[in-house]
Amino acid sequence: MHMTNTLRLWRERWTERRIFARELGTLPDETLRDFGMTRESAYEQSHRPFWRA
């Protein structure tokens, strides 16, 4: 795999993770429980630095 393809893939995954992290904050508590998360864990997940994904 070429370096540019690797970087492109990394960027796409990072973008998907950030979108999901932002959406966590808008989900109702019932949905978070379905994911096995609390409001606090959703907050922590959505505020982690990108390199700790």
N, C-alpha and C. Protein backbone atom coordinates (compact mmCIF):
# COMPACT_ATOMS: atom_id res chain seq x y z
N MET A 1 0.85 -1.18 0.00
CA MET A 1 0.00 0.00 0.00
C MET A 1 0.89 1.24 0.00
N HIS A 2 0.56 2.17 -0.85
CA HIS A 2 1.33 3.40 -0.93
C HIS A 2 1.06 4.29 0.27
N MET A 3 2.01 5.11 0.58
CA MET A 3 1.89 6.01 1.72
C MET A 3 0.68 6.93 1.60
N THR A 4 0.41 7.42 0.40
CA THR A 4 -0.75 8.31 0.23
C THR A 4 -2.06 7.58 0.51
N ASN A 5 -2.15 6.32 0.11
CA ASN A 5 -3.35 5.54 0.39
C ASN A 5 -3.51 5.31 1.89
N THR A 6 -2.41 5.05 2.55
CA THR A 6 -2.44 4.85 4.01
C THR A 6 -2.89 6.12 4.71
N LEU A 7 -2.36 7.25 4.30
CA LEU A 7 -2.75 8.52 4.90
C LEU A 7 -4.21 8.85 4.63
N ARG A 8 -4.67 8.56 3.44
CA ARG A 8 -6.07 8.80 3.09
C ARG A 8 -7.00 7.94 3.94
N LEU A 9 -6.65 6.68 4.11
CA LEU A 9 -7.44 5.77 4.93
C LEU A 9 -7.45 6.24 6.39
N TRP A 10 -6.30 6.65 6.90
CA TRP A 10 -6.21 7.16 8.27
C TRP A 10 -7.10 8.38 8.45
N ARG A 11 -7.07 9.27 7.49
CA ARG A 11 -7.89 10.49 7.55
C ARG A 11 -9.37 10.16 7.52
N GLU A 12 -9.79 9.22 6.69
CA GLU A 12 -11.20 8.83 6.62
C GLU A 12 -11.66 8.22 7.94
N ARG A 13 -10.85 7.37 8.51
CA ARG A 13 -11.22 6.76 9.79
C ARG A 13 -11.27 7.79 10.91
N TRP A 14 -10.32 8.70 10.92
CA TRP A 14 -10.31 9.75 11.93
C TRP A 14 -11.57 10.60 11.81
N THR A 15 -11.96 10.94 10.59
CA THR A 15 -13.16 11.74 10.38
C THR A 15 -14.40 11.00 10.87
N GLU A 16 -14.51 9.72 10.57
CA GLU A 16 -15.64 8.92 11.03
C GLU A 16 -15.70 8.89 12.56
N ARG A 17 -14.57 8.72 13.20
CA ARG A 17 -14.53 8.69 14.66
C ARG A 17 -14.96 10.01 15.26
N ARG A 18 -14.54 11.13 14.69
CA ARG A 18 -14.91 12.44 15.20
C ARG A 18 -16.41 12.68 15.05
N ILE A 19 -16.97 12.28 13.92
CA ILE A 19 -18.41 12.44 13.71
C ILE A 19 -19.17 11.62 14.75
N PHE A 20 -18.76 10.38 14.94
CA PHE A 20 -19.41 9.53 15.93
C PHE A 20 -19.27 10.11 17.32
N ALA A 21 -18.09 10.62 17.66
CA ALA A 21 -17.87 11.19 18.99
C ALA A 21 -18.77 12.39 19.21
N ARG A 22 -18.94 13.24 18.20
CA ARG A 22 -19.83 14.39 18.34
C ARG A 22 -21.27 13.96 18.52
N GLU A 23 -21.67 12.90 17.82
CA GLU A 23 -23.05 12.42 17.92
C GLU A 23 -23.34 11.80 19.28
N LEU A 24 -22.33 11.26 19.94
CA LEU A 24 -22.53 10.68 21.27
C LEU A 24 -23.17 11.67 22.23
N GLY A 25 -22.76 12.91 22.15
CA GLY A 25 -23.28 13.93 23.05
C GLY A 25 -24.74 14.26 22.83
N THR A 26 -25.27 13.90 21.68
CA THR A 26 -26.66 14.23 21.37
C THR A 26 -27.61 13.05 21.60
N LEU A 27 -27.07 11.88 21.89
CA LEU A 27 -27.91 10.70 22.05
C LEU A 27 -28.61 10.71 23.41
N PRO A 28 -29.85 10.23 23.45
CA PRO A 28 -30.54 10.14 24.74
C PRO A 28 -29.92 9.04 25.61
N ASP A 29 -30.14 9.14 26.90
CA ASP A 29 -29.57 8.18 27.85
C ASP A 29 -29.97 6.74 27.54
N GLU A 30 -31.19 6.53 27.05
CA GLU A 30 -31.65 5.18 26.73
C GLU A 30 -30.79 4.56 25.62
N THR A 31 -30.45 5.35 24.63
CA THR A 31 -29.63 4.85 23.53
C THR A 31 -28.21 4.58 24.01
N LEU A 32 -27.69 5.45 24.85
CA LEU A 32 -26.35 5.23 25.41
C LEU A 32 -26.32 3.93 26.20
N ARG A 33 -27.37 3.66 26.96
CA ARG A 33 -27.43 2.40 27.71
C ARG A 33 -27.42 1.21 26.76
N ASP A 34 -28.09 1.34 25.60
CA ASP A 34 -28.05 0.26 24.61
C ASP A 34 -26.63 -0.02 24.15
N PHE A 35 -25.81 1.03 24.10
CA PHE A 35 -24.40 0.89 23.73
C PHE A 35 -23.54 0.44 24.91
N GLY A 36 -24.16 0.38 26.10
CA GLY A 36 -23.41 0.02 27.29
C GLY A 36 -22.59 1.18 27.84
N MET A 37 -23.08 2.40 27.59
CA MET A 37 -22.36 3.60 28.02
C MET A 37 -23.21 4.43 28.96
N THR A 38 -22.52 5.20 29.79
CA THR A 38 -23.19 6.20 30.60
C THR A 38 -22.97 7.57 29.95
N ARG A 39 -23.66 8.57 30.44
CA ARG A 39 -23.46 9.93 29.93
C ARG A 39 -22.00 10.35 30.15
N GLU A 40 -21.44 9.98 31.30
CA GLU A 40 -20.05 10.34 31.60
C GLU A 40 -19.06 9.65 30.66
N SER A 41 -19.28 8.36 30.39
CA SER A 41 -18.36 7.66 29.48
C SER A 41 -18.50 8.19 28.06
N ALA A 42 -19.70 8.59 27.66
CA ALA A 42 -19.88 9.19 26.33
C ALA A 42 -19.12 10.51 26.25
N TYR A 43 -19.17 11.29 27.32
CA TYR A 43 -18.43 12.56 27.35
C TYR A 43 -16.93 12.30 27.23
N GLU A 44 -16.44 11.34 28.02
CA GLU A 44 -15.01 11.02 27.97
C GLU A 44 -14.61 10.55 26.58
N GLN A 45 -15.43 9.70 25.98
CA GLN A 45 -15.14 9.18 24.65
C GLN A 45 -15.09 10.30 23.62
N SER A 46 -16.02 11.24 23.73
CA SER A 46 -16.10 12.29 22.72
C SER A 46 -15.04 13.38 22.91
N HIS A 47 -14.35 13.39 24.05
CA HIS A 47 -13.33 14.41 24.30
C HIS A 47 -11.91 13.84 24.35
N ARG A 48 -11.76 12.60 23.92
CA ARG A 48 -10.41 12.02 23.88
C ARG A 48 -9.63 12.62 22.73
N PRO A 49 -8.33 12.77 22.88
CA PRO A 49 -7.50 13.24 21.76
C PRO A 49 -7.53 12.22 20.61
N PHE A 50 -7.36 12.69 19.40
CA PHE A 50 -7.50 11.81 18.24
C PHE A 50 -6.50 10.67 18.24
N TRP A 51 -5.34 10.87 18.84
CA TRP A 51 -4.33 9.80 18.83
C TRP A 51 -4.66 8.69 19.81
N ARG A 52 -5.69 8.84 20.63
CA ARG A 52 -6.08 7.80 21.57
C ARG A 52 -7.35 7.09 21.13
N ALA A 53 -7.65 7.13 19.87
CA ALA A 53 -8.88 6.54 19.34
C ALA A 53 -8.93 5.05 19.45
